[in-house]
Amino acid sequence: MKTIPLILMGCGGVGCHLLQHIVSCRSLHSSQGLCLNVLGVSDSKSLVVTEDSSNKGLDDKFLMELCRVKRDGGSLSKLGDLGDCRLFSHPELQERILELASQLGGKTDCSASSNTVPVLKQVVDMGCCIVMANKKPLTSTMEDFEKLYAYPRRIRHESTVGAGLPVIASLNRIISSGDPVHRIIGSLSGTLGYVMSEVEDGKPLSQVVRAAKSLGYTEPDPREDLGGMDVARKALILARILGQRINMDTIQIESLYPKEMGPDVMSVEDFMNSGLPFCEVGIQELPKNSPLGRLRGSDNVLEIYTRCYTSQPLVIQGAGAGNDTTAAGVLADIVDIQDLFP
């Protein structure tokens, strides 16, 4: 049996769904000769680790209880009986995560924070593999991006663009074949796709955004989606994979809300309750028979034009939002790196 030891940073919507997928796939993975061993899980305030990281991971029942506590809005510090586990709190988090990472080779970032960048950069030097759903480390400075990509075989981040869709894998295959990419266009936000489809059907924007948030389609702060920043990060990741040495300030972003409702002015709660009802939405006309024109709901669609795909682009389309879909993409990435483990 091949064992992949894991540390999970971030156990919100995506992180909890990932843990549920890991537990529910035990029989499948066992039949494939694979065991995913979750040695530690952290949120922004606490880290819970198994007492005996050399022999076993956190118990599946404990992982499900952890998910229940997080779904109820609690933090890991609210966990009851820890059994054979230990709990560490801020400011020990980074030190303990690095200490645990030095003993193993797998690490998963399902947070929505840029605070994980220093830890990720250090674990790269330790020889760890990194799987990410978090876009922020890859859209930090060019120096940070190159550091994380120093060992490309040891990094997977399919879920940073298009949730579980094979966007990154397809692009890497095209690049490896020497087929030059001329243009990429598409809708890279299942969240905005869902929002626009519902608004098109006559529903108020404020109502639709609340529904999208409750379904797990939006970022923790929906303004990441409505402001275009989430899509901009995806575009920047694709551009950097294609060899463009650019930063976020290179990208033109058009927001769906005014500056007066920005994160530095208004809290998430105030924005949802009093800001959203006053937002206005703009539209752009598209041919109805085009892949983008036919798009409905939370699907993503991407058209890749290359030398081989000139008049008929490579089209990737499917569910592009939701914690479940994103977590499934993360799990597939984790399984994909199994050959790097003895």
C-alpha atoms as a PDB file:
ATOM      1  CA  MET A   1       0.000   0.000   0.000  1.00  0.00           C
ATOM      2  CA  LYS A   2       1.403   3.399  -1.033  1.00  0.00           C
ATOM      3  CA  THR A   3       0.768   6.128   1.557  1.00  0.00           C
ATOM      4  CA  ILE A   4       0.556   9.855   0.832  1.00  0.00           C
ATOM      5  CA  PRO A   5       0.817  11.900   4.055  1.00  0.00           C
ATOM      6  CA  LEU A   6      -1.145  15.162   3.949  1.00  0.00           C
ATOM      7  CA  ILE A   7      -1.335  18.456   5.797  1.00  0.00           C
ATOM      8  CA  LEU A   8      -4.460  20.442   4.931  1.00  0.00           C
ATOM      9  CA  MET A   9      -4.276  24.222   5.269  1.00  0.00           C
ATOM     10  CA  GLY A  10      -7.784  25.669   5.191  1.00  0.00           C
ATOM     11  CA  CYS A  11     -10.885  23.711   6.202  1.00  0.00           C
ATOM     12  CA  GLY A  12     -13.693  25.962   5.020  1.00  0.00           C
ATOM     13  CA  GLY A  13     -16.068  24.958   2.234  1.00  0.00           C
ATOM     14  CA  VAL A  14     -13.504  23.381  -0.114  1.00  0.00           C
ATOM     15  CA  GLY A  15     -11.344  21.920   2.654  1.00  0.00           C
ATOM     16  CA  CYS A  16     -14.248  20.177   4.388  1.00  0.00           C
ATOM     17  CA  HIS A  17     -15.547  18.769   1.116  1.00  0.00           C
ATOM     18  CA  LEU A  18     -12.042  17.484   0.388  1.00  0.00           C
ATOM     19  CA  LEU A  19     -11.938  15.652   3.731  1.00  0.00           C
ATOM     20  CA  GLN A  20     -15.360  14.145   3.002  1.00  0.00           C
ATOM     21  CA  HIS A  21     -14.161  12.984  -0.426  1.00  0.00           C
ATOM     22  CA  ILE A  22     -11.029  11.436   1.099  1.00  0.00           C
ATOM     23  CA  VAL A  23     -13.089   9.488   3.642  1.00  0.00           C
ATOM     24  CA  SER A  24     -15.762   8.379   1.151  1.00  0.00           C
ATOM     25  CA  CYS A  25     -13.105   7.175  -1.329  1.00  0.00           C
ATOM     26  CA  ARG A  26     -11.230   4.958   1.147  1.00  0.00           C
ATOM     27  CA  SER A  27     -12.423   1.704  -0.482  1.00  0.00           C
ATOM     28  CA  LEU A  28     -11.706   2.969  -3.999  1.00  0.00           C
ATOM     29  CA  HIS A  29      -8.211   4.141  -3.125  1.00  0.00           C
ATOM     30  CA  SER A  30      -7.490   0.959  -1.180  1.00  0.00           C
ATOM     31  CA  SER A  31      -8.369  -1.115  -4.266  1.00  0.00           C
ATOM     32  CA  GLN A  32      -5.818   1.003  -6.142  1.00  0.00           C
ATOM     33  CA  GLY A  33      -3.151   0.364  -3.503  1.00  0.00           C
ATOM     34  CA  LEU A  34      -3.304   3.931  -2.179  1.00  0.00           C
ATOM     35  CA  CYS A  35      -3.889   5.439   1.262  1.00  0.00           C
ATOM     36  CA  LEU A  36      -4.277   9.186   1.921  1.00  0.00           C
ATOM     37  CA  ASN A  37      -3.092   9.881   5.462  1.00  0.00           C
ATOM     38  CA  VAL A  38      -4.313  13.240   6.857  1.00  0.00           C
ATOM     39  CA  LEU A  39      -1.757  14.083   9.557  1.00  0.00           C
ATOM     40  CA  GLY A  40      -2.841  17.663  10.258  1.00  0.00           C
ATOM     41  CA  VAL A  41      -5.593  20.172   9.503  1.00  0.00           C
ATOM     42  CA  SER A  42      -5.455  23.909  10.109  1.00  0.00           C
ATOM     43  CA  ASP A  43      -7.737  26.904   9.867  1.00  0.00           C
ATOM     44  CA  SER A  44      -6.665  30.528  10.293  1.00  0.00           C
ATOM     45  CA  LYS A  45      -6.384  30.194  14.069  1.00  0.00           C
ATOM     46  CA  SER A  46      -5.515  26.621  14.983  1.00  0.00           C
ATOM     47  CA  LEU A  47      -3.792  23.433  13.868  1.00  0.00           C
ATOM     48  CA  VAL A  48      -4.815  19.938  14.935  1.00  0.00           C
ATOM     49  CA  VAL A  49      -2.300  17.132  14.350  1.00  0.00           C
ATOM     50  CA  THR A  50      -2.128  13.437  15.064  1.00  0.00           C
ATOM     51  CA  GLU A  51       0.034  12.526  18.046  1.00  0.00           C
ATOM     52  CA  ASP A  52       1.780   9.736  16.109  1.00  0.00           C
ATOM     53  CA  SER A  53       2.449  11.164  12.646  1.00  0.00           C
ATOM     54  CA  SER A  54       4.923   8.413  11.796  1.00  0.00           C
ATOM     55  CA  ASN A  55       2.334   5.617  11.911  1.00  0.00           C
ATOM     56  CA  LYS A  56      -1.200   6.915  11.437  1.00  0.00           C
ATOM     57  CA  GLY A  57      -3.267   9.919  10.438  1.00  0.00           C
ATOM     58  CA  LEU A  58      -6.309  11.544  11.952  1.00  0.00           C
ATOM     59  CA  ASP A  59      -9.204   9.127  12.430  1.00  0.00           C
ATOM     60  CA  ASP A  60     -12.009   9.336   9.843  1.00  0.00           C
ATOM     61  CA  LYS A  61     -14.637   9.831  12.564  1.00  0.00           C
ATOM     62  CA  PHE A  62     -12.576  12.692  13.949  1.00  0.00           C
ATOM     63  CA  LEU A  63     -12.275  14.244  10.479  1.00  0.00           C
ATOM     64  CA  MET A  64     -16.067  14.128  10.052  1.00  0.00           C
ATOM     65  CA  GLU A  65     -16.561  15.720  13.487  1.00  0.00           C
ATOM     66  CA  LEU A  66     -14.049  18.397  12.494  1.00  0.00           C
ATOM     67  CA  CYS A  67     -16.092  19.111   9.351  1.00  0.00           C
ATOM     68  CA  ARG A  68     -19.282  19.342  11.397  1.00  0.00           C
ATOM     69  CA  VAL A  69     -17.724  21.916  13.724  1.00  0.00           C
ATOM     70  CA  LYS A  70     -16.511  23.989  10.753  1.00  0.00           C
ATOM     71  CA  ARG A  71     -19.885  23.800   8.984  1.00  0.00           C
ATOM     72  CA  ASP A  72     -21.518  25.111  12.168  1.00  0.00           C
ATOM     73  CA  GLY A  73     -19.257  28.151  12.015  1.00  0.00           C
ATOM     74  CA  GLY A  74     -16.839  27.083  14.744  1.00  0.00           C
ATOM     75  CA  SER A  75     -13.040  26.982  14.752  1.00  0.00           C
ATOM     76  CA  LEU A  76     -10.806  23.993  15.363  1.00  0.00           C
ATOM     77  CA  SER A  77     -10.266  25.277  18.895  1.00  0.00           C
ATOM     78  CA  LYS A  78     -13.920  24.340  19.568  1.00  0.00           C
ATOM     79  CA  LEU A  79     -13.278  20.638  18.990  1.00  0.00           C
ATOM     80  CA  GLY A  80     -14.203  18.525  22.001  1.00  0.00           C
ATOM     81  CA  ASP A  81     -12.452  15.228  22.683  1.00  0.00           C
ATOM     82  CA  LEU A  82      -9.128  15.346  20.837  1.00  0.00           C
ATOM     83  CA  GLY A  83      -8.200  11.743  21.625  1.00  0.00           C
ATOM     84  CA  ASP A  84      -4.760  11.041  20.167  1.00  0.00           C
ATOM     85  CA  CYS A  85      -4.493  14.530  18.664  1.00  0.00           C
ATOM     86  CA  ARG A  86      -2.820  17.772  19.698  1.00  0.00           C
ATOM     87  CA  LEU A  87      -4.065  21.305  19.131  1.00  0.00           C
ATOM     88  CA  PHE A  88      -1.803  24.281  18.463  1.00  0.00           C
ATOM     89  CA  SER A  89      -2.927  27.878  18.240  1.00  0.00           C
ATOM     90  CA  HIS A  90      -1.628  31.068  16.663  1.00  0.00           C
ATOM     91  CA  PRO A  91       1.240  32.185  16.729  1.00  0.00           C
ATOM     92  CA  GLU A  92       2.635  28.621  16.780  1.00  0.00           C
ATOM     93  CA  LEU A  93       0.833  27.667  13.552  1.00  0.00           C
ATOM     94  CA  GLN A  94       3.549  28.300  10.975  1.00  0.00           C
ATOM     95  CA  GLU A  95       6.313  26.766  13.080  1.00  0.00           C
ATOM     96  CA  ARG A  96       4.279  23.606  13.780  1.00  0.00           C
ATOM     97  CA  ILE A  97       3.160  23.212  10.157  1.00  0.00           C
ATOM     98  CA  LEU A  98       6.775  23.457   8.975  1.00  0.00           C
ATOM     99  CA  GLU A  99       7.863  21.018  11.666  1.00  0.00           C
ATOM    100  CA  LEU A 100       5.247  18.509  10.504  1.00  0.00           C
ATOM    101  CA  ALA A 101       6.010  19.158   6.816  1.00  0.00           C
ATOM    102  CA  SER A 102       9.666  18.326   7.393  1.00  0.00           C
ATOM    103  CA  GLN A 103       8.579  14.768   8.256  1.00  0.00           C
ATOM    104  CA  LEU A 104       6.520  14.143   5.122  1.00  0.00           C
ATOM    105  CA  GLY A 105       6.052  15.036   1.472  1.00  0.00           C
ATOM    106  CA  GLY A 106       2.480  16.181   0.808  1.00  0.00           C
ATOM    107  CA  LYS A 107       0.724  19.457   1.510  1.00  0.00           C
ATOM    108  CA  THR A 108      -2.641  20.856   0.376  1.00  0.00           C
ATOM    109  CA  ASP A 109      -3.665  24.532   0.416  1.00  0.00           C
ATOM    110  CA  CYS A 110      -7.454  24.893   0.322  1.00  0.00           C
ATOM    111  CA  SER A 111      -7.469  28.257   2.052  1.00  0.00           C
ATOM    112  CA  ALA A 112      -8.464  31.563   0.480  1.00  0.00           C
ATOM    113  CA  SER A 113      -5.574  33.448   2.035  1.00  0.00           C
ATOM    114  CA  SER A 114      -2.290  34.910   0.851  1.00  0.00           C
ATOM    115  CA  ASN A 115      -0.846  34.210   4.315  1.00  0.00           C
ATOM    116  CA  THR A 116       0.079  30.695   3.223  1.00  0.00           C
ATOM    117  CA  VAL A 117       2.755  31.945   0.798  1.00  0.00           C
ATOM    118  CA  PRO A 118       5.688  32.004   3.289  1.00  0.00           C
ATOM    119  CA  VAL A 119       4.912  28.454   4.444  1.00  0.00           C
ATOM    120  CA  LEU A 120       4.496  27.138   0.892  1.00  0.00           C
ATOM    121  CA  LYS A 121       7.812  28.641  -0.206  1.00  0.00           C
ATOM    122  CA  GLN A 122       9.614  26.929   2.669  1.00  0.00           C
ATOM    123  CA  VAL A 123       8.024  23.514   2.192  1.00  0.00           C
ATOM    124  CA  VAL A 124       9.067  23.595  -1.475  1.00  0.00           C
ATOM    125  CA  ASP A 125      12.693  23.599  -0.275  1.00  0.00           C
ATOM    126  CA  MET A 126      11.890  20.652   2.004  1.00  0.00           C
ATOM    127  CA  GLY A 127      10.993  18.542  -1.016  1.00  0.00           C
ATOM    128  CA  CYS A 128       7.266  18.522  -0.322  1.00  0.00           C
ATOM    129  CA  CYS A 129       4.611  18.277  -3.016  1.00  0.00           C
ATOM    130  CA  ILE A 130       1.981  21.029  -3.022  1.00  0.00           C
ATOM    131  CA  VAL A 131      -1.621  20.787  -4.205  1.00  0.00           C
ATOM    132  CA  MET A 132      -3.599  24.027  -4.300  1.00  0.00           C
ATOM    133  CA  ALA A 133      -7.109  25.325  -4.792  1.00  0.00           C
ATOM    134  CA  ASN A 134      -5.941  28.683  -3.438  1.00  0.00           C
ATOM    135  CA  LYS A 135      -5.153  31.113  -6.282  1.00  0.00           C
ATOM    136  CA  LYS A 136      -3.455  33.800  -4.201  1.00  0.00           C
ATOM    137  CA  PRO A 137       0.010  32.202  -3.834  1.00  0.00           C
ATOM    138  CA  LEU A 138       0.292  31.788  -7.623  1.00  0.00           C
ATOM    139  CA  THR A 139      -0.824  35.376  -8.241  1.00  0.00           C
ATOM    140  CA  SER A 140       1.500  36.941  -5.693  1.00  0.00           C
ATOM    141  CA  THR A 141       4.782  38.428  -6.911  1.00  0.00           C
ATOM    142  CA  MET A 142       6.593  36.909  -9.868  1.00  0.00           C
ATOM    143  CA  GLU A 143       9.345  35.916  -7.442  1.00  0.00           C
ATOM    144  CA  ASP A 144       6.857  33.926  -5.341  1.00  0.00           C
ATOM    145  CA  PHE A 145       5.401  32.250  -8.437  1.00  0.00           C
ATOM    146  CA  GLU A 146       8.829  31.173  -9.696  1.00  0.00           C
ATOM    147  CA  LYS A 147       9.738  29.855  -6.256  1.00  0.00           C
ATOM    148  CA  LEU A 148       6.587  27.701  -6.080  1.00  0.00           C
ATOM    149  CA  TYR A 149       7.160  26.510  -9.654  1.00  0.00           C
ATOM    150  CA  ALA A 150      10.852  25.748  -9.073  1.00  0.00           C
ATOM    151  CA  TYR A 151       9.966  22.042  -9.156  1.00  0.00           C
ATOM    152  CA  PRO A 152       6.967  21.843 -11.521  1.00  0.00           C
ATOM    153  CA  ARG A 153       6.493  18.100 -11.065  1.00  0.00           C
ATOM    154  CA  ARG A 154       5.834  18.670  -7.376  1.00  0.00           C
ATOM    155  CA  ILE A 155       3.054  21.244  -7.737  1.00  0.00           C
ATOM    156  CA  ARG A 156      -0.559  20.679  -8.796  1.00  0.00           C
ATOM    157  CA  HIS A 157      -3.212  23.399  -8.957  1.00  0.00           C
ATOM    158  CA  GLU A 158      -5.905  22.306 -11.410  1.00  0.00           C
ATOM    159  CA  SER A 159      -8.620  23.654  -9.104  1.00  0.00           C
ATOM    160  CA  THR A 160      -7.270  27.204  -9.196  1.00  0.00           C
ATOM    161  CA  VAL A 161      -8.752  27.659 -12.688  1.00  0.00           C
ATOM    162  CA  GLY A 162     -12.115  26.159 -13.625  1.00  0.00           C
ATOM    163  CA  ALA A 163     -12.775  24.230 -10.386  1.00  0.00           C
ATOM    164  CA  GLY A 164     -12.429  20.552 -11.404  1.00  0.00           C
ATOM    165  CA  LEU A 165     -12.188  21.088 -15.175  1.00  0.00           C
ATOM    166  CA  PRO A 166      -8.947  19.884 -16.874  1.00  0.00           C
ATOM    167  CA  VAL A 167      -7.843  23.371 -17.897  1.00  0.00           C
ATOM    168  CA  ILE A 168      -4.286  23.382 -16.526  1.00  0.00           C
ATOM    169  CA  ALA A 169      -3.620  19.803 -17.645  1.00  0.00           C
ATOM    170  CA  SER A 170      -4.870  20.524 -21.179  1.00  0.00           C
ATOM    171  CA  LEU A 171      -2.808  23.696 -21.429  1.00  0.00           C
ATOM    172  CA  ASN A 172       0.331  21.930 -20.197  1.00  0.00           C
ATOM    173  CA  ARG A 173      -0.147  19.158 -22.777  1.00  0.00           C
ATOM    174  CA  ILE A 174      -0.429  21.754 -25.545  1.00  0.00           C
ATOM    175  CA  ILE A 175       2.693  23.548 -24.328  1.00  0.00           C
ATOM    176  CA  SER A 176       4.630  20.257 -24.068  1.00  0.00           C
ATOM    177  CA  SER A 177       3.715  19.374 -27.658  1.00  0.00           C
ATOM    178  CA  GLY A 178       5.226  22.635 -28.938  1.00  0.00           C
ATOM    179  CA  ASP A 179       1.871  23.891 -30.246  1.00  0.00           C
ATOM    180  CA  PRO A 180       1.961  27.702 -29.748  1.00  0.00           C
ATOM    181  CA  VAL A 181      -1.058  29.206 -27.974  1.00  0.00           C
ATOM    182  CA  HIS A 182      -2.339  32.305 -29.804  1.00  0.00           C
ATOM    183  CA  ARG A 183      -5.407  33.194 -27.779  1.00  0.00           C
ATOM    184  CA  ILE A 184      -7.531  32.060 -24.832  1.00  0.00           C
ATOM    185  CA  ILE A 185     -11.043  33.412 -24.318  1.00  0.00           C
ATOM    186  CA  GLY A 186     -13.895  32.269 -22.157  1.00  0.00           C
ATOM    187  CA  SER A 187     -15.960  32.583 -19.031  1.00  0.00           C
ATOM    188  CA  LEU A 188     -13.793  31.555 -16.101  1.00  0.00           C
ATOM    189  CA  SER A 189     -16.270  32.328 -13.339  1.00  0.00           C
ATOM    190  CA  GLY A 190     -19.004  29.814 -12.658  1.00  0.00           C
ATOM    191  CA  THR A 191     -20.129  32.255  -9.986  1.00  0.00           C
ATOM    192  CA  LEU A 192     -20.677  35.122 -12.428  1.00  0.00           C
ATOM    193  CA  GLY A 193     -22.200  32.710 -14.938  1.00  0.00           C
ATOM    194  CA  TYR A 194     -24.748  31.634 -12.361  1.00  0.00           C
ATOM    195  CA  VAL A 195     -25.394  35.222 -11.240  1.00  0.00           C
ATOM    196  CA  MET A 196     -25.879  36.529 -14.782  1.00  0.00           C
ATOM    197  CA  SER A 197     -28.159  33.638 -15.789  1.00  0.00           C
ATOM    198  CA  GLU A 198     -30.379  34.261 -12.765  1.00  0.00           C
ATOM    199  CA  VAL A 199     -30.437  38.042 -13.332  1.00  0.00           C
ATOM    200  CA  GLU A 200     -31.297  37.403 -16.979  1.00  0.00           C
ATOM    201  CA  ASP A 201     -34.325  35.451 -15.714  1.00  0.00           C
ATOM    202  CA  GLY A 202     -35.500  38.544 -13.841  1.00  0.00           C
ATOM    203  CA  LYS A 203     -34.256  37.922 -10.302  1.00  0.00           C
ATOM    204  CA  PRO A 204     -32.741  40.805  -8.250  1.00  0.00           C
ATOM    205  CA  LEU A 205     -28.935  40.840  -8.126  1.00  0.00           C
ATOM    206  CA  SER A 206     -28.887  41.019  -4.319  1.00  0.00           C
ATOM    207  CA  GLN A 207     -31.063  37.903  -4.041  1.00  0.00           C
ATOM    208  CA  VAL A 208     -28.993  35.988  -6.572  1.00  0.00           C
ATOM    209  CA  VAL A 209     -25.651  36.789  -4.908  1.00  0.00           C
ATOM    210  CA  ARG A 210     -26.968  35.657  -1.524  1.00  0.00           C
ATOM    211  CA  ALA A 211     -28.135  32.402  -3.106  1.00  0.00           C
ATOM    212  CA  ALA A 212     -24.755  31.945  -4.819  1.00  0.00           C
ATOM    213  CA  LYS A 213     -22.963  32.434  -1.505  1.00  0.00           C
ATOM    214  CA  SER A 214     -25.191  29.913   0.276  1.00  0.00           C
ATOM    215  CA  LEU A 215     -24.529  27.365  -2.501  1.00  0.00           C
ATOM    216  CA  GLY A 216     -20.768  27.753  -2.032  1.00  0.00           C
ATOM    217  CA  TYR A 217     -20.302  29.309  -5.477  1.00  0.00           C
ATOM    218  CA  THR A 218     -18.686  32.563  -4.289  1.00  0.00           C
ATOM    219  CA  GLU A 219     -15.439  33.301  -2.516  1.00  0.00           C
ATOM    220  CA  PRO A 220     -15.829  33.966   1.251  1.00  0.00           C
ATOM    221  CA  ASP A 221     -16.171  37.644   0.255  1.00  0.00           C
ATOM    222  CA  PRO A 222     -18.427  37.728  -2.864  1.00  0.00           C
ATOM    223  CA  ARG A 223     -16.736  40.963  -3.954  1.00  0.00           C
ATOM    224  CA  GLU A 224     -13.750  38.823  -5.035  1.00  0.00           C
ATOM    225  CA  ASP A 225     -16.098  37.505  -7.740  1.00  0.00           C
ATOM    226  CA  LEU A 226     -18.231  40.586  -8.415  1.00  0.00           C
ATOM    227  CA  GLY A 227     -15.176  42.825  -8.598  1.00  0.00           C
ATOM    228  CA  GLY A 228     -13.558  40.641 -11.248  1.00  0.00           C
ATOM    229  CA  MET A 229     -10.544  39.876  -9.037  1.00  0.00           C
ATOM    230  CA  ASP A 230     -11.213  36.134  -8.930  1.00  0.00           C
ATOM    231  CA  VAL A 231     -11.323  35.933 -12.753  1.00  0.00           C
ATOM    232  CA  ALA A 232      -8.254  38.187 -13.000  1.00  0.00           C
ATOM    233  CA  ARG A 233      -6.288  35.783 -10.780  1.00  0.00           C
ATOM    234  CA  LYS A 234      -7.259  32.856 -13.028  1.00  0.00           C
ATOM    235  CA  ALA A 235      -6.216  34.807 -16.109  1.00  0.00           C
ATOM    236  CA  LEU A 236      -2.890  35.708 -14.487  1.00  0.00           C
ATOM    237  CA  ILE A 237      -2.200  32.052 -13.636  1.00  0.00           C
ATOM    238  CA  LEU A 238      -2.840  31.031 -17.252  1.00  0.00           C
ATOM    239  CA  ALA A 239      -0.666  33.871 -18.566  1.00  0.00           C
ATOM    240  CA  ARG A 240       2.226  32.923 -16.288  1.00  0.00           C
ATOM    241  CA  ILE A 241       1.982  29.261 -17.314  1.00  0.00           C
ATOM    242  CA  LEU A 242       2.328  30.501 -20.904  1.00  0.00           C
ATOM    243  CA  GLY A 243       5.550  32.267 -19.924  1.00  0.00           C
ATOM    244  CA  GLN A 244       4.289  35.821 -19.425  1.00  0.00           C
ATOM    245  CA  ARG A 245       6.190  37.559 -16.606  1.00  0.00           C
ATOM    246  CA  ILE A 246       3.357  39.856 -15.576  1.00  0.00           C
ATOM    247  CA  ASN A 247       1.706  40.931 -12.329  1.00  0.00           C
ATOM    248  CA  MET A 248      -1.858  41.712 -11.317  1.00  0.00           C
ATOM    249  CA  ASP A 249      -1.478  45.442 -12.015  1.00  0.00           C
ATOM    250  CA  THR A 250      -1.000  44.569 -15.711  1.00  0.00           C
ATOM    251  CA  ILE A 251      -4.583  43.295 -15.978  1.00  0.00           C
ATOM    252  CA  GLN A 252      -7.538  45.605 -16.631  1.00  0.00           C
ATOM    253  CA  ILE A 253     -10.407  44.791 -14.275  1.00  0.00           C
ATOM    254  CA  GLU A 254     -13.951  46.149 -14.487  1.00  0.00           C
ATOM    255  CA  SER A 255     -15.872  45.766 -11.228  1.00  0.00           C
ATOM    256  CA  LEU A 256     -19.630  45.243 -10.825  1.00  0.00           C
ATOM    257  CA  TYR A 257     -19.679  47.369  -7.661  1.00  0.00           C
ATOM    258  CA  PRO A 258     -18.417  50.929  -6.967  1.00  0.00           C
ATOM    259  CA  LYS A 259     -15.325  51.756  -4.929  1.00  0.00           C
ATOM    260  CA  GLU A 260     -17.579  53.021  -2.133  1.00  0.00           C
ATOM    261  CA  MET A 261     -18.526  49.374  -1.474  1.00  0.00           C
ATOM    262  CA  GLY A 262     -14.968  48.010  -1.507  1.00  0.00           C
ATOM    263  CA  PRO A 263     -13.457  45.763   1.205  1.00  0.00           C
ATOM    264  CA  ASP A 264     -11.497  48.677   2.678  1.00  0.00           C
ATOM    265  CA  VAL A 265     -14.722  50.667   3.141  1.00  0.00           C
ATOM    266  CA  MET A 266     -17.459  48.140   3.890  1.00  0.00           C
ATOM    267  CA  SER A 267     -17.493  44.803   5.713  1.00  0.00           C
ATOM    268  CA  VAL A 268     -18.783  41.658   3.982  1.00  0.00           C
ATOM    269  CA  GLU A 269     -21.920  41.701   6.142  1.00  0.00           C
ATOM    270  CA  ASP A 270     -22.659  45.375   5.363  1.00  0.00           C
ATOM    271  CA  PHE A 271     -22.056  44.774   1.666  1.00  0.00           C
ATOM    272  CA  MET A 272     -24.447  41.821   1.594  1.00  0.00           C
ATOM    273  CA  ASN A 273     -27.159  43.602   3.586  1.00  0.00           C
ATOM    274  CA  SER A 274     -27.017  47.217   2.458  1.00  0.00           C
ATOM    275  CA  GLY A 275     -24.625  47.506  -0.490  1.00  0.00           C
ATOM    276  CA  LEU A 276     -25.844  44.806  -2.894  1.00  0.00           C
ATOM    277  CA  PRO A 277     -29.380  46.158  -3.431  1.00  0.00           C
ATOM    278  CA  PHE A 278     -27.869  49.304  -5.009  1.00  0.00           C
ATOM    279  CA  CYS A 279     -25.465  47.581  -7.434  1.00  0.00           C
ATOM    280  CA  GLU A 280     -26.040  47.786 -11.198  1.00  0.00           C
ATOM    281  CA  VAL A 281     -25.027  45.158 -13.735  1.00  0.00           C
ATOM    282  CA  GLY A 282     -23.721  45.711 -17.271  1.00  0.00           C
ATOM    283  CA  ILE A 283     -23.927  43.260 -20.182  1.00  0.00           C
ATOM    284  CA  GLN A 284     -22.065  42.629 -23.416  1.00  0.00           C
ATOM    285  CA  GLU A 285     -23.774  41.191 -26.501  1.00  0.00           C
ATOM    286  CA  LEU A 286     -22.487  37.843 -27.774  1.00  0.00           C
ATOM    287  CA  PRO A 287     -23.535  35.591 -30.677  1.00  0.00           C
ATOM    288  CA  LYS A 288     -26.183  33.271 -29.280  1.00  0.00           C
ATOM    289  CA  ASN A 289     -24.803  30.238 -31.148  1.00  0.00           C
ATOM    290  CA  SER A 290     -21.240  30.710 -29.838  1.00  0.00           C
ATOM    291  CA  PRO A 291     -19.907  28.599 -26.931  1.00  0.00           C
ATOM    292  CA  LEU A 292     -20.041  31.687 -24.700  1.00  0.00           C
ATOM    293  CA  GLY A 293     -23.487  32.684 -25.945  1.00  0.00           C
ATOM    294  CA  ARG A 294     -24.881  29.230 -25.132  1.00  0.00           C
ATOM    295  CA  LEU A 295     -23.457  29.284 -21.618  1.00  0.00           C
ATOM    296  CA  ARG A 296     -25.976  28.944 -18.792  1.00  0.00           C
ATOM    297  CA  GLY A 297     -25.792  28.589 -15.036  1.00  0.00           C
ATOM    298  CA  SER A 298     -22.507  28.010 -13.218  1.00  0.00           C
ATOM    299  CA  ASP A 299     -20.653  26.353 -16.111  1.00  0.00           C
ATOM    300  CA  ASN A 300     -17.204  27.536 -17.169  1.00  0.00           C
ATOM    301  CA  VAL A 301     -16.150  27.506 -20.807  1.00  0.00           C
ATOM    302  CA  LEU A 302     -12.701  28.091 -22.245  1.00  0.00           C
ATOM    303  CA  GLU A 303     -11.673  28.357 -25.908  1.00  0.00           C
ATOM    304  CA  ILE A 304      -7.975  27.765 -26.628  1.00  0.00           C
ATOM    305  CA  TYR A 305      -6.697  28.839 -30.071  1.00  0.00           C
ATOM    306  CA  THR A 306      -3.360  27.391 -31.191  1.00  0.00           C
ATOM    307  CA  ARG A 307      -1.617  26.453 -34.441  1.00  0.00           C
ATOM    308  CA  CYS A 308      -3.418  23.090 -34.384  1.00  0.00           C
ATOM    309  CA  TYR A 309      -6.689  24.590 -33.119  1.00  0.00           C
ATOM    310  CA  THR A 310      -6.957  27.609 -35.406  1.00  0.00           C
ATOM    311  CA  SER A 311     -10.474  27.811 -36.846  1.00  0.00           C
ATOM    312  CA  GLN A 312     -11.991  25.299 -34.416  1.00  0.00           C
ATOM    313  CA  PRO A 313     -10.620  25.985 -30.912  1.00  0.00           C
ATOM    314  CA  LEU A 314     -10.186  23.439 -28.185  1.00  0.00           C
ATOM    315  CA  VAL A 315     -13.290  23.983 -26.017  1.00  0.00           C
ATOM    316  CA  ILE A 316     -13.372  22.942 -22.349  1.00  0.00           C
ATOM    317  CA  GLN A 317     -16.768  23.281 -20.686  1.00  0.00           C
ATOM    318  CA  GLY A 318     -18.421  22.041 -17.514  1.00  0.00           C
ATOM    319  CA  ALA A 319     -19.287  22.856 -13.910  1.00  0.00           C
ATOM    320  CA  GLY A 320     -17.037  25.698 -12.816  1.00  0.00           C
ATOM    321  CA  ALA A 321     -18.216  26.595  -9.325  1.00  0.00           C
ATOM    322  CA  GLY A 322     -19.020  24.925  -6.036  1.00  0.00           C
ATOM    323  CA  ASN A 323     -17.031  23.532  -3.128  1.00  0.00           C
ATOM    324  CA  ASP A 324     -17.817  19.935  -4.070  1.00  0.00           C
ATOM    325  CA  THR A 325     -16.539  20.259  -7.639  1.00  0.00           C
ATOM    326  CA  THR A 326     -13.429  22.176  -6.573  1.00  0.00           C
ATOM    327  CA  ALA A 327     -12.609  19.656  -3.825  1.00  0.00           C
ATOM    328  CA  ALA A 328     -12.969  16.789  -6.307  1.00  0.00           C
ATOM    329  CA  GLY A 329     -10.394  18.524  -8.507  1.00  0.00           C
ATOM    330  CA  VAL A 330      -8.022  18.839  -5.543  1.00  0.00           C
ATOM    331  CA  LEU A 331      -8.415  15.150  -4.708  1.00  0.00           C
ATOM    332  CA  ALA A 332      -7.658  14.173  -8.309  1.00  0.00           C
ATOM    333  CA  ASP A 333      -4.490  16.300  -8.138  1.00  0.00           C
ATOM    334  CA  ILE A 334      -3.415  14.558  -4.914  1.00  0.00           C
ATOM    335  CA  VAL A 335      -3.892  11.115  -6.473  1.00  0.00           C
ATOM    336  CA  ASP A 336      -2.018  12.320  -9.574  1.00  0.00           C
ATOM    337  CA  ILE A 337       1.207  12.873  -7.605  1.00  0.00           C
ATOM    338  CA  GLN A 338       1.295   9.372  -6.101  1.00  0.00           C
ATOM    339  CA  ASP A 339       4.173   8.315  -8.376  1.00  0.00           C
ATOM    340  CA  LEU A 340       6.411  10.796  -6.565  1.00  0.00           C
ATOM    341  CA  PHE A 341       6.005   8.833  -3.322  1.00  0.00           C
ATOM    342  CA  PRO A 342       7.896   5.615  -2.548  1.00  0.00           C
END
